Amino acid sequence: MRRSSPVTFAIIAVICVVYVFEVMAGGARNPQVLVAMGAIVPDLFGRGEYWRLVAAMFLHIGLLHLFLNLWALYQLGGVFELLFGSKRFAITYFASGIVASISSATITQGIAAGASGAIFGILGALIVSIRRSPRFRHAAWSRGLIQQLVLWAAINIVIGFTPGIDNAAHIGGFICGLVLGLAPHRIPPPPANEMVIEARPVDDDPHRP
């Protein structure tokens, strides 16, 4: 999967490196560290610090937050990139993450950070993209997978209403992913071991009937 999902693994690697810097700077739960490194702060966003919309996607508040998001990204991102390609994955991930950050900055009060909004975008896009794909929607595995993804999304959005969880980012990213899943897309070619090549003899005589 690493070869088929290079962008997913690159994002995971960057998030891990950023977390190390968080710890070295004073702790991943330290508000001053989070704000300095780019966490979403509504007042600062309102003053034009829009770079935080992307920076916050790479920050995490504690090891549990980091582990849960990386596991979800590994599972969902790896599958999405494998099925629909690196370019589509990257666009969906970052667009959903930015929309999630905007939702958080305009609705949620307080400091916010994490990749979960972008991951919810991948989740929404994966549901719609599989459902729309002529190649995948009739596959034996697709119906069961979609049901699991819908259930997973519903449970996590309900859990997201628990105090301390930025559900505005989750819902914003999820809606963005659903919309992006409707966009026309090209399915990557199958792996080499699944390709069929038709060989035809070459006719050296152009005048031969």
N, C-alpha and C. Protein backbone atom coordinates (compact mmCIF):
# COMPACT_ATOMS: atom_id res chain seq x y z
N MET A 1 0.82 -1.21 0.00
CA MET A 1 0.00 0.00 0.00
C MET A 1 0.86 1.26 0.00
N ARG A 2 2.07 1.17 0.55
CA ARG A 2 2.93 2.35 0.60
C ARG A 2 3.25 2.86 -0.80
N ARG A 3 3.48 1.94 -1.74
CA ARG A 3 3.79 2.37 -3.11
C ARG A 3 2.56 2.91 -3.81
N SER A 4 1.39 2.40 -3.46
CA SER A 4 0.16 2.84 -4.11
C SER A 4 -0.43 4.08 -3.46
N SER A 5 0.01 4.42 -2.26
CA SER A 5 -0.54 5.57 -1.53
C SER A 5 0.59 6.47 -1.01
N PRO A 6 1.42 7.00 -1.89
CA PRO A 6 2.58 7.77 -1.42
C PRO A 6 2.22 9.06 -0.72
N VAL A 7 1.16 9.75 -1.16
CA VAL A 7 0.78 11.01 -0.53
C VAL A 7 0.29 10.77 0.89
N THR A 8 -0.49 9.71 1.08
CA THR A 8 -0.96 9.38 2.42
C THR A 8 0.20 9.18 3.38
N PHE A 9 1.19 8.40 2.97
CA PHE A 9 2.33 8.13 3.83
C PHE A 9 3.20 9.38 4.02
N ALA A 10 3.27 10.24 3.02
CA ALA A 10 4.03 11.48 3.16
C ALA A 10 3.37 12.39 4.20
N ILE A 11 2.05 12.49 4.17
CA ILE A 11 1.33 13.32 5.15
C ILE A 11 1.51 12.75 6.55
N ILE A 12 1.41 11.44 6.68
CA ILE A 12 1.61 10.80 7.98
C ILE A 12 3.01 11.12 8.51
N ALA A 13 4.01 11.04 7.65
CA ALA A 13 5.39 11.32 8.06
C ALA A 13 5.55 12.77 8.52
N VAL A 14 4.97 13.71 7.77
CA VAL A 14 5.07 15.13 8.14
C VAL A 14 4.38 15.38 9.47
N ILE A 15 3.20 14.79 9.67
CA ILE A 15 2.48 14.97 10.94
C ILE A 15 3.33 14.46 12.11
N CYS A 16 3.98 13.34 11.94
CA CYS A 16 4.83 12.79 13.00
C CYS A 16 6.01 13.71 13.31
N VAL A 17 6.62 14.25 12.26
CA VAL A 17 7.75 15.17 12.46
C VAL A 17 7.28 16.43 13.19
N VAL A 18 6.14 16.96 12.78
CA VAL A 18 5.60 18.16 13.43
C VAL A 18 5.30 17.89 14.90
N TYR A 19 4.78 16.70 15.19
CA TYR A 19 4.49 16.38 16.59
C TYR A 19 5.76 16.35 17.43
N VAL A 20 6.84 15.84 16.86
CA VAL A 20 8.11 15.85 17.58
C VAL A 20 8.53 17.28 17.91
N PHE A 21 8.36 18.19 16.97
CA PHE A 21 8.68 19.60 17.21
C PHE A 21 7.77 20.20 18.28
N GLU A 22 6.50 19.78 18.29
CA GLU A 22 5.58 20.24 19.34
C GLU A 22 6.11 19.86 20.72
N VAL A 23 6.51 18.61 20.85
CA VAL A 23 7.02 18.11 22.13
C VAL A 23 8.30 18.84 22.52
N MET A 24 9.19 19.02 21.55
CA MET A 24 10.46 19.69 21.82
C MET A 24 10.26 21.16 22.18
N ALA A 25 9.19 21.76 21.64
CA ALA A 25 8.95 23.18 21.89
C ALA A 25 8.29 23.45 23.24
N GLY A 26 7.86 22.39 23.92
CA GLY A 26 7.25 22.61 25.23
C GLY A 26 6.05 21.76 25.54
N GLY A 27 5.65 20.90 24.60
CA GLY A 27 4.55 20.00 24.88
C GLY A 27 3.38 20.18 23.93
N ALA A 28 2.81 19.04 23.49
CA ALA A 28 1.72 19.10 22.52
C ALA A 28 0.41 19.57 23.13
N ARG A 29 0.36 19.68 24.46
CA ARG A 29 -0.83 20.19 25.12
C ARG A 29 -0.66 21.62 25.63
N ASN A 30 0.45 22.19 25.30
CA ASN A 30 0.74 23.56 25.74
C ASN A 30 0.08 24.55 24.79
N PRO A 31 -0.90 25.33 25.26
CA PRO A 31 -1.60 26.27 24.37
C PRO A 31 -0.67 27.25 23.66
N GLN A 32 0.35 27.72 24.36
CA GLN A 32 1.28 28.68 23.74
C GLN A 32 2.03 28.04 22.58
N VAL A 33 2.42 26.78 22.74
CA VAL A 33 3.11 26.07 21.67
C VAL A 33 2.18 25.88 20.48
N LEU A 34 0.96 25.46 20.74
CA LEU A 34 -0.01 25.22 19.67
C LEU A 34 -0.30 26.50 18.89
N VAL A 35 -0.50 27.59 19.61
CA VAL A 35 -0.79 28.87 18.94
C VAL A 35 0.41 29.33 18.11
N ALA A 36 1.60 29.20 18.68
CA ALA A 36 2.80 29.64 17.96
C ALA A 36 3.04 28.82 16.70
N MET A 37 2.65 27.54 16.72
CA MET A 37 2.92 26.67 15.58
C MET A 37 1.78 26.66 14.55
N GLY A 38 0.68 27.33 14.85
CA GLY A 38 -0.34 27.47 13.81
C GLY A 38 -1.71 26.94 14.09
N ALA A 39 -2.05 26.67 15.36
CA ALA A 39 -3.39 26.19 15.68
C ALA A 39 -4.44 27.24 15.31
N ILE A 40 -5.67 26.78 15.10
CA ILE A 40 -6.75 27.69 14.78
C ILE A 40 -7.14 28.48 16.03
N VAL A 41 -7.10 29.81 15.93
CA VAL A 41 -7.56 30.71 16.98
C VAL A 41 -8.50 31.70 16.31
N PRO A 42 -9.80 31.70 16.65
CA PRO A 42 -10.76 32.55 15.94
C PRO A 42 -10.34 34.01 15.81
N ASP A 43 -9.82 34.60 16.88
CA ASP A 43 -9.43 36.01 16.82
C ASP A 43 -8.30 36.23 15.83
N LEU A 44 -7.30 35.36 15.85
CA LEU A 44 -6.17 35.51 14.94
C LEU A 44 -6.58 35.24 13.50
N PHE A 45 -7.47 34.29 13.30
CA PHE A 45 -8.01 34.04 11.95
C PHE A 45 -8.74 35.27 11.45
N GLY A 46 -9.51 35.91 12.33
CA GLY A 46 -10.23 37.12 11.95
C GLY A 46 -9.32 38.28 11.60
N ARG A 47 -8.09 38.24 12.09
CA ARG A 47 -7.12 39.30 11.78
C ARG A 47 -6.32 39.01 10.52
N GLY A 48 -6.64 37.95 9.84
CA GLY A 48 -6.00 37.67 8.56
C GLY A 48 -4.92 36.62 8.57
N GLU A 49 -4.77 35.88 9.66
CA GLU A 49 -3.74 34.83 9.71
C GLU A 49 -4.30 33.54 9.09
N TYR A 50 -4.50 33.60 7.78
CA TYR A 50 -5.14 32.49 7.07
C TYR A 50 -4.22 31.28 6.91
N TRP A 51 -2.93 31.46 7.09
CA TRP A 51 -2.00 30.35 6.99
C TRP A 51 -2.31 29.27 8.02
N ARG A 52 -3.01 29.65 9.08
CA ARG A 52 -3.37 28.69 10.12
C ARG A 52 -4.35 27.63 9.61
N LEU A 53 -5.07 27.94 8.54
CA LEU A 53 -6.04 26.99 8.00
C LEU A 53 -5.36 25.70 7.57
N VAL A 54 -4.12 25.82 7.08
CA VAL A 54 -3.36 24.64 6.66
C VAL A 54 -2.46 24.14 7.79
N ALA A 55 -1.83 25.05 8.49
CA ALA A 55 -0.88 24.64 9.55
C ALA A 55 -1.56 23.81 10.62
N ALA A 56 -2.79 24.16 10.97
CA ALA A 56 -3.50 23.45 12.04
C ALA A 56 -3.75 21.99 11.70
N MET A 57 -3.78 21.66 10.40
CA MET A 57 -4.03 20.28 9.97
C MET A 57 -2.90 19.34 10.35
N PHE A 58 -1.73 19.90 10.67
CA PHE A 58 -0.57 19.06 10.97
C PHE A 58 -0.24 19.03 12.47
N LEU A 59 -1.03 19.74 13.27
CA LEU A 59 -0.81 19.78 14.71
C LEU A 59 -1.78 18.85 15.43
N HIS A 60 -1.34 18.29 16.56
CA HIS A 60 -2.21 17.42 17.35
C HIS A 60 -2.01 17.66 18.83
N ILE A 61 -3.10 17.49 19.57
CA ILE A 61 -3.10 17.81 20.99
C ILE A 61 -3.00 16.51 21.79
N GLY A 62 -1.80 16.03 21.99
CA GLY A 62 -1.59 14.82 22.76
C GLY A 62 -1.44 13.57 21.91
N LEU A 63 -0.89 12.53 22.53
CA LEU A 63 -0.60 11.29 21.82
C LEU A 63 -1.87 10.56 21.36
N LEU A 64 -2.92 10.55 22.18
CA LEU A 64 -4.14 9.85 21.79
C LEU A 64 -4.75 10.51 20.56
N HIS A 65 -4.80 11.83 20.55
CA HIS A 65 -5.31 12.57 19.39
C HIS A 65 -4.50 12.23 18.15
N LEU A 66 -3.18 12.21 18.30
CA LEU A 66 -2.29 11.89 17.18
C LEU A 66 -2.53 10.47 16.69
N PHE A 67 -2.57 9.50 17.60
CA PHE A 67 -2.71 8.11 17.21
C PHE A 67 -4.04 7.85 16.49
N LEU A 68 -5.12 8.36 17.02
CA LEU A 68 -6.43 8.13 16.41
C LEU A 68 -6.51 8.70 15.01
N ASN A 69 -5.98 9.90 14.83
CA ASN A 69 -6.02 10.52 13.50
C ASN A 69 -5.10 9.81 12.51
N LEU A 70 -3.93 9.41 12.96
CA LEU A 70 -3.01 8.72 12.05
C LEU A 70 -3.56 7.36 11.64
N TRP A 71 -4.19 6.67 12.56
CA TRP A 71 -4.78 5.37 12.23
C TRP A 71 -5.91 5.54 11.21
N ALA A 72 -6.78 6.53 11.42
CA ALA A 72 -7.87 6.79 10.48
C ALA A 72 -7.33 7.22 9.12
N LEU A 73 -6.30 8.05 9.13
CA LEU A 73 -5.71 8.51 7.88
C LEU A 73 -5.07 7.34 7.13
N TYR A 74 -4.39 6.47 7.85
CA TYR A 74 -3.77 5.31 7.23
C TYR A 74 -4.82 4.41 6.57
N GLN A 75 -5.92 4.19 7.26
CA GLN A 75 -6.97 3.31 6.76
C GLN A 75 -7.73 3.96 5.59
N LEU A 76 -8.30 5.15 5.82
CA LEU A 76 -9.16 5.78 4.82
C LEU A 76 -8.35 6.40 3.69
N GLY A 77 -7.27 7.10 4.05
CA GLY A 77 -6.46 7.73 3.02
C GLY A 77 -5.80 6.72 2.11
N GLY A 78 -5.29 5.63 2.71
CA GLY A 78 -4.66 4.60 1.89
C GLY A 78 -5.61 3.98 0.89
N VAL A 79 -6.84 3.70 1.33
CA VAL A 79 -7.84 3.11 0.43
C VAL A 79 -8.24 4.10 -0.65
N PHE A 80 -8.52 5.36 -0.25
CA PHE A 80 -8.96 6.36 -1.22
C PHE A 80 -7.90 6.61 -2.29
N GLU A 81 -6.67 6.78 -1.87
CA GLU A 81 -5.60 7.04 -2.82
C GLU A 81 -5.35 5.84 -3.73
N LEU A 82 -5.46 4.66 -3.18
CA LEU A 82 -5.28 3.44 -3.97
C LEU A 82 -6.35 3.32 -5.05
N LEU A 83 -7.59 3.65 -4.71
CA LEU A 83 -8.70 3.49 -5.64
C LEU A 83 -8.82 4.63 -6.64
N PHE A 84 -8.54 5.86 -6.20
CA PHE A 84 -8.85 7.02 -7.04
C PHE A 84 -7.65 7.90 -7.38
N GLY A 85 -6.48 7.53 -6.93
CA GLY A 85 -5.28 8.23 -7.35
C GLY A 85 -4.78 9.28 -6.38
N SER A 86 -3.48 9.58 -6.47
CA SER A 86 -2.83 10.50 -5.55
C SER A 86 -3.30 11.94 -5.73
N LYS A 87 -3.49 12.37 -6.97
CA LYS A 87 -3.90 13.75 -7.22
C LYS A 87 -5.26 14.03 -6.61
N ARG A 88 -6.20 13.14 -6.86
CA ARG A 88 -7.55 13.34 -6.32
C ARG A 88 -7.54 13.27 -4.80
N PHE A 89 -6.74 12.39 -4.25
CA PHE A 89 -6.64 12.30 -2.80
C PHE A 89 -6.10 13.61 -2.22
N ALA A 90 -5.01 14.12 -2.79
CA ALA A 90 -4.39 15.34 -2.26
C ALA A 90 -5.35 16.52 -2.31
N ILE A 91 -6.04 16.68 -3.45
CA ILE A 91 -7.00 17.78 -3.58
C ILE A 91 -8.11 17.65 -2.55
N THR A 92 -8.66 16.46 -2.42
CA THR A 92 -9.76 16.23 -1.48
C THR A 92 -9.31 16.45 -0.04
N TYR A 93 -8.15 15.94 0.28
CA TYR A 93 -7.65 16.04 1.66
C TYR A 93 -7.45 17.50 2.07
N PHE A 94 -6.72 18.25 1.26
CA PHE A 94 -6.39 19.62 1.65
C PHE A 94 -7.59 20.56 1.52
N ALA A 95 -8.43 20.36 0.52
CA ALA A 95 -9.63 21.18 0.40
C ALA A 95 -10.56 20.95 1.58
N SER A 96 -10.76 19.70 1.95
CA SER A 96 -11.62 19.37 3.09
C SER A 96 -11.01 19.89 4.39
N GLY A 97 -9.70 19.79 4.51
CA GLY A 97 -9.04 20.28 5.71
C GLY A 97 -9.17 21.78 5.87
N ILE A 98 -9.06 22.51 4.77
CA ILE A 98 -9.19 23.98 4.82
C ILE A 98 -10.63 24.37 5.16
N VAL A 99 -11.61 23.70 4.54
CA VAL A 99 -13.01 23.97 4.86
C VAL A 99 -13.29 23.65 6.33
N ALA A 100 -12.73 22.55 6.82
CA ALA A 100 -12.89 22.18 8.23
C ALA A 100 -12.30 23.24 9.14
N SER A 101 -11.14 23.77 8.78
CA SER A 101 -10.50 24.82 9.58
C SER A 101 -11.34 26.09 9.60
N ILE A 102 -11.90 26.45 8.45
CA ILE A 102 -12.77 27.63 8.38
C ILE A 102 -14.00 27.43 9.25
N SER A 103 -14.59 26.24 9.18
CA SER A 103 -15.76 25.94 10.00
C SER A 103 -15.42 26.05 11.48
N SER A 104 -14.26 25.53 11.86
CA SER A 104 -13.83 25.60 13.25
C SER A 104 -13.62 27.04 13.69
N ALA A 105 -12.97 27.83 12.83
CA ALA A 105 -12.64 29.21 13.19
C ALA A 105 -13.88 30.09 13.32
N THR A 106 -14.92 29.77 12.56
CA THR A 106 -16.12 30.62 12.56
C THR A 106 -17.20 30.14 13.53
N ILE A 107 -17.12 28.89 13.96
CA ILE A 107 -18.18 28.34 14.82
C ILE A 107 -17.67 27.99 16.22
N THR A 108 -16.53 27.33 16.27
CA THR A 108 -16.00 26.85 17.56
C THR A 108 -15.16 27.94 18.22
N GLN A 109 -15.33 28.11 19.52
CA GLN A 109 -14.52 29.05 20.27
C GLN A 109 -13.34 28.30 20.90
N GLY A 110 -12.20 28.94 20.92
CA GLY A 110 -11.03 28.33 21.53
C GLY A 110 -10.05 27.81 20.50
N ILE A 111 -8.97 27.24 20.99
CA ILE A 111 -7.90 26.72 20.14
C ILE A 111 -8.31 25.38 19.54
N ALA A 112 -8.03 25.19 18.24
CA ALA A 112 -8.37 23.94 17.56
C ALA A 112 -7.21 23.51 16.67
N ALA A 113 -7.00 22.21 16.58
CA ALA A 113 -5.95 21.68 15.72
C ALA A 113 -6.25 20.21 15.44
N GLY A 114 -5.66 19.70 14.37
CA GLY A 114 -5.82 18.28 14.06
C GLY A 114 -6.19 18.03 12.61
N ALA A 115 -5.95 16.79 12.17
CA ALA A 115 -6.22 16.39 10.79
C ALA A 115 -7.60 15.78 10.62
N SER A 116 -8.40 15.74 11.68
CA SER A 116 -9.66 15.00 11.61
C SER A 116 -10.65 15.59 10.61
N GLY A 117 -10.66 16.91 10.45
CA GLY A 117 -11.55 17.51 9.46
C GLY A 117 -11.23 17.05 8.05
N ALA A 118 -9.95 17.00 7.72
CA ALA A 118 -9.53 16.51 6.41
C ALA A 118 -9.84 15.03 6.25
N ILE A 119 -9.68 14.27 7.33
CA ILE A 119 -9.98 12.83 7.28
C ILE A 119 -11.47 12.60 7.08
N PHE A 120 -12.31 13.40 7.72
CA PHE A 120 -13.75 13.30 7.49
C PHE A 120 -14.08 13.64 6.04
N GLY A 121 -13.32 14.55 5.44
CA GLY A 121 -13.52 14.84 4.02
C GLY A 121 -13.22 13.66 3.14
N ILE A 122 -12.14 12.96 3.44
CA ILE A 122 -11.80 11.74 2.71
C ILE A 122 -12.89 10.70 2.89
N LEU A 123 -13.41 10.60 4.09
CA LEU A 123 -14.49 9.65 4.37
C LEU A 123 -15.72 9.95 3.52
N GLY A 124 -16.14 11.21 3.49
CA GLY A 124 -17.30 11.59 2.68
C GLY A 124 -17.07 11.37 1.20
N ALA A 125 -15.89 11.75 0.72
CA ALA A 125 -15.58 11.59 -0.70
C ALA A 125 -15.50 10.12 -1.08
N LEU A 126 -14.99 9.30 -0.18
CA LEU A 126 -14.87 7.87 -0.46
C LEU A 126 -16.25 7.23 -0.62
N ILE A 127 -17.19 7.60 0.24
CA ILE A 127 -18.55 7.07 0.15
C ILE A 127 -19.18 7.40 -1.19
N VAL A 128 -19.12 8.68 -1.57
CA VAL A 128 -19.76 9.12 -2.81
C VAL A 128 -19.02 8.59 -4.03
N SER A 129 -17.70 8.62 -3.99
CA SER A 129 -16.91 8.21 -5.15
C SER A 129 -17.11 6.73 -5.48
N ILE A 130 -17.13 5.88 -4.46
CA ILE A 130 -17.37 4.46 -4.70
C ILE A 130 -18.78 4.25 -5.24
N ARG A 131 -19.74 4.98 -4.67
CA ARG A 131 -21.13 4.83 -5.10
C ARG A 131 -21.32 5.26 -6.55
N ARG A 132 -20.53 6.22 -7.02
CA ARG A 132 -20.68 6.74 -8.38
C ARG A 132 -19.81 6.01 -9.40
N SER A 133 -18.83 5.26 -8.94
CA SER A 133 -17.86 4.66 -9.84
C SER A 133 -18.43 3.47 -10.60
N PRO A 134 -18.44 3.50 -11.93
CA PRO A 134 -18.90 2.33 -12.70
C PRO A 134 -18.04 1.11 -12.44
N ARG A 135 -16.79 1.33 -12.09
CA ARG A 135 -15.86 0.22 -11.88
C ARG A 135 -16.03 -0.43 -10.51
N PHE A 136 -16.38 0.37 -9.50
CA PHE A 136 -16.39 -0.14 -8.13
C PHE A 136 -17.78 -0.35 -7.54
N ARG A 137 -18.79 0.37 -8.01
CA ARG A 137 -20.07 0.34 -7.31
C ARG A 137 -20.78 -1.01 -7.38
N HIS A 138 -20.45 -1.83 -8.39
CA HIS A 138 -21.07 -3.15 -8.51
C HIS A 138 -20.18 -4.27 -7.97
N ALA A 139 -19.02 -3.90 -7.44
CA ALA A 139 -18.12 -4.91 -6.88
C ALA A 139 -18.74 -5.53 -5.63
N ALA A 140 -18.37 -6.77 -5.36
CA ALA A 140 -18.97 -7.50 -4.24
C ALA A 140 -18.69 -6.82 -2.89
N TRP A 141 -17.54 -6.15 -2.79
CA TRP A 141 -17.13 -5.57 -1.52
C TRP A 141 -17.67 -4.17 -1.28
N SER A 142 -18.16 -3.50 -2.35
CA SER A 142 -18.46 -2.07 -2.24
C SER A 142 -19.64 -1.77 -1.32
N ARG A 143 -20.70 -2.57 -1.41
CA ARG A 143 -21.88 -2.29 -0.59
C ARG A 143 -21.57 -2.39 0.90
N GLY A 144 -20.87 -3.46 1.28
CA GLY A 144 -20.52 -3.63 2.69
C GLY A 144 -19.60 -2.52 3.18
N LEU A 145 -18.64 -2.12 2.34
CA LEU A 145 -17.72 -1.06 2.73
C LEU A 145 -18.45 0.26 2.91
N ILE A 146 -19.33 0.60 1.98
CA ILE A 146 -20.08 1.86 2.10
C ILE A 146 -20.92 1.88 3.36
N GLN A 147 -21.57 0.76 3.69
CA GLN A 147 -22.37 0.69 4.91
C GLN A 147 -21.50 0.92 6.15
N GLN A 148 -20.32 0.33 6.16
CA GLN A 148 -19.41 0.54 7.29
C GLN A 148 -18.96 1.98 7.39
N LEU A 149 -18.67 2.60 6.24
CA LEU A 149 -18.22 3.99 6.24
C LEU A 149 -19.31 4.94 6.72
N VAL A 150 -20.53 4.71 6.27
CA VAL A 150 -21.65 5.55 6.70
C VAL A 150 -21.87 5.41 8.20
N LEU A 151 -21.83 4.18 8.70
CA LEU A 151 -22.00 3.94 10.13
C LEU A 151 -20.88 4.59 10.92
N TRP A 152 -19.66 4.45 10.44
CA TRP A 152 -18.50 5.06 11.11
C TRP A 152 -18.64 6.58 11.17
N ALA A 153 -19.10 7.19 10.06
CA ALA A 153 -19.29 8.64 10.03
C ALA A 153 -20.37 9.07 11.02
N ALA A 154 -21.48 8.35 11.02
CA ALA A 154 -22.60 8.71 11.90
C ALA A 154 -22.19 8.62 13.37
N ILE A 155 -21.52 7.52 13.73
CA ILE A 155 -21.10 7.34 15.13
C ILE A 155 -20.14 8.44 15.57
N ASN A 156 -19.18 8.77 14.71
CA ASN A 156 -18.19 9.77 15.09
C ASN A 156 -18.75 11.17 15.12
N ILE A 157 -19.73 11.47 14.28
CA ILE A 157 -20.35 12.79 14.35
C ILE A 157 -21.19 12.91 15.62
N VAL A 158 -21.88 11.84 16.00
CA VAL A 158 -22.64 11.86 17.26
C VAL A 158 -21.69 12.03 18.45
N ILE A 159 -20.60 11.26 18.45
CA ILE A 159 -19.61 11.38 19.52
C ILE A 159 -19.01 12.79 19.54
N GLY A 160 -18.95 13.41 18.34
CA GLY A 160 -18.35 14.73 18.23
C GLY A 160 -19.07 15.83 18.97
N PHE A 161 -20.31 15.58 19.40
CA PHE A 161 -21.04 16.58 20.18
C PHE A 161 -20.62 16.58 21.64
N THR A 162 -19.72 15.67 21.99
CA THR A 162 -19.15 15.66 23.34
C THR A 162 -18.29 16.91 23.53
N PRO A 163 -18.39 17.58 24.68
CA PRO A 163 -17.56 18.77 24.92
C PRO A 163 -16.07 18.46 24.74
N GLY A 164 -15.38 19.38 24.11
CA GLY A 164 -13.95 19.23 23.88
C GLY A 164 -13.59 18.70 22.51
N ILE A 165 -14.60 18.29 21.73
CA ILE A 165 -14.37 17.79 20.38
C ILE A 165 -14.88 18.82 19.38
N ASP A 166 -14.06 19.11 18.39
CA ASP A 166 -14.39 20.14 17.39
C ASP A 166 -15.27 19.54 16.30
N ASN A 167 -16.55 19.40 16.59
CA ASN A 167 -17.45 18.77 15.63
C ASN A 167 -17.74 19.66 14.42
N ALA A 168 -17.58 20.97 14.59
CA ALA A 168 -17.77 21.87 13.45
C ALA A 168 -16.78 21.55 12.34
N ALA A 169 -15.54 21.24 12.73
CA ALA A 169 -14.53 20.87 11.75
C ALA A 169 -14.87 19.53 11.11
N HIS A 170 -15.34 18.59 11.91
CA HIS A 170 -15.70 17.28 11.37
C HIS A 170 -16.81 17.38 10.34
N ILE A 171 -17.87 18.09 10.69
CA ILE A 171 -19.03 18.21 9.80
C ILE A 171 -18.67 19.01 8.56
N GLY A 172 -17.92 20.10 8.75
CA GLY A 172 -17.51 20.91 7.60
C GLY A 172 -16.66 20.12 6.62
N GLY A 173 -15.69 19.36 7.14
CA GLY A 173 -14.85 18.55 6.28
C GLY A 173 -15.64 17.45 5.59
N PHE A 174 -16.55 16.83 6.32
CA PHE A 174 -17.36 15.74 5.76
C PHE A 174 -18.24 16.23 4.62
N ILE A 175 -18.89 17.37 4.80
CA ILE A 175 -19.73 17.93 3.74
C ILE A 175 -18.90 18.28 2.51
N CYS A 176 -17.73 18.87 2.75
CA CYS A 176 -16.85 19.19 1.62
C CYS A 176 -16.46 17.93 0.87
N GLY A 177 -16.15 16.86 1.59
CA GLY A 177 -15.80 15.60 0.95
C GLY A 177 -16.94 15.02 0.13
N LEU A 178 -18.16 15.10 0.66
CA LEU A 178 -19.33 14.62 -0.08
C LEU A 178 -19.48 15.37 -1.41
N VAL A 179 -19.30 16.68 -1.37
CA VAL A 179 -19.42 17.50 -2.59
C VAL A 179 -18.31 17.16 -3.57
N LEU A 180 -17.09 17.05 -3.09
CA LEU A 180 -15.96 16.72 -3.98
C LEU A 180 -16.10 15.32 -4.57
N GLY A 181 -16.77 14.44 -3.86
CA GLY A 181 -17.00 13.10 -4.39
C GLY A 181 -17.88 13.09 -5.62
N LEU A 182 -18.63 14.16 -5.83
CA LEU A 182 -19.52 14.27 -6.99
C LEU A 182 -18.78 14.74 -8.24
N ALA A 183 -17.57 15.27 -8.07
CA ALA A 183 -16.82 15.80 -9.20
C ALA A 183 -16.39 14.67 -10.14
N PRO A 184 -16.36 14.94 -11.45
CA PRO A 184 -15.88 13.91 -12.40
C PRO A 184 -14.45 13.51 -12.05
N HIS A 185 -14.14 12.25 -12.23
CA HIS A 185 -12.81 11.80 -11.91
C HIS A 185 -12.42 10.62 -12.80
N ARG A 186 -11.11 10.41 -12.86
CA ARG A 186 -10.56 9.31 -13.65
C ARG A 186 -10.02 8.25 -12.71
N ILE A 187 -10.44 7.01 -12.95
CA ILE A 187 -9.92 5.91 -12.15
C ILE A 187 -8.52 5.57 -12.63
N PRO A 188 -7.54 5.46 -11.72
CA PRO A 188 -6.19 5.07 -12.15
C PRO A 188 -6.20 3.70 -12.82
N PRO A 189 -5.27 3.44 -13.72
CA PRO A 189 -5.22 2.12 -14.37
C PRO A 189 -4.93 1.04 -13.35
N PRO A 190 -5.34 -0.19 -13.60
CA PRO A 190 -5.08 -1.29 -12.66
C PRO A 190 -3.59 -1.60 -12.58
N PRO A 191 -3.15 -2.26 -11.51
CA PRO A 191 -1.73 -2.65 -11.40
C PRO A 191 -1.30 -3.51 -12.58
N ALA A 192 0.00 -3.59 -12.80
CA ALA A 192 0.53 -4.31 -13.97
C ALA A 192 0.10 -5.76 -13.99
N ASN A 193 -0.02 -6.40 -12.82
CA ASN A 193 -0.38 -7.80 -12.80
C ASN A 193 -1.84 -8.05 -13.12
N GLU A 194 -2.64 -6.96 -13.25
CA GLU A 194 -4.04 -7.10 -13.60
C GLU A 194 -4.32 -6.65 -15.04
N MET A 195 -3.30 -6.14 -15.71
CA MET A 195 -3.50 -5.62 -17.06
C MET A 195 -3.41 -6.75 -18.09
N VAL A 196 -4.19 -6.61 -19.13
CA VAL A 196 -4.18 -7.58 -20.22
C VAL A 196 -3.67 -6.86 -21.47
N ILE A 197 -2.63 -7.38 -22.08
CA ILE A 197 -2.05 -6.76 -23.28
C ILE A 197 -2.34 -7.65 -24.48
N GLU A 198 -2.92 -7.06 -25.49
CA GLU A 198 -3.22 -7.81 -26.71
C GLU A 198 -2.07 -7.64 -27.69
N ALA A 199 -1.47 -8.73 -28.11
CA ALA A 199 -0.34 -8.68 -29.04
C ALA A 199 -0.83 -9.06 -30.43
N ARG A 200 -0.47 -8.23 -31.42
CA ARG A 200 -0.86 -8.51 -32.79
C ARG A 200 0.40 -8.59 -33.65
N PRO A 201 0.45 -9.48 -34.65
CA PRO A 201 1.62 -9.57 -35.52
C PRO A 201 1.75 -8.33 -36.39
N VAL A 202 2.99 -7.96 -36.66
CA VAL A 202 3.25 -6.79 -37.51
C VAL A 202 3.36 -7.25 -38.96
N ASP A 203 2.64 -6.59 -39.82
CA ASP A 203 2.66 -6.94 -41.24
C ASP A 203 3.74 -6.11 -41.92
N ASP A 204 4.80 -6.79 -42.41
CA ASP A 204 5.90 -6.08 -43.05
C ASP A 204 5.54 -5.58 -44.44
N ASP A 205 4.55 -6.19 -45.08
CA ASP A 205 4.18 -5.80 -46.43
C ASP A 205 2.88 -5.01 -46.40
N PRO A 206 2.98 -3.65 -46.60
CA PRO A 206 1.79 -2.82 -46.54
C PRO A 206 0.80 -3.11 -47.66
N HIS A 207 1.24 -3.78 -48.76
CA HIS A 207 0.36 -4.05 -49.88
C HIS A 207 -0.33 -5.41 -49.78
N ARG A 208 0.04 -6.18 -48.76
CA ARG A 208 -0.58 -7.50 -48.59
C ARG A 208 -2.02 -7.33 -48.11
N PRO A 209 -3.00 -8.01 -48.69
CA PRO A 209 -4.40 -7.86 -48.31
C PRO A 209 -4.65 -8.47 -46.93
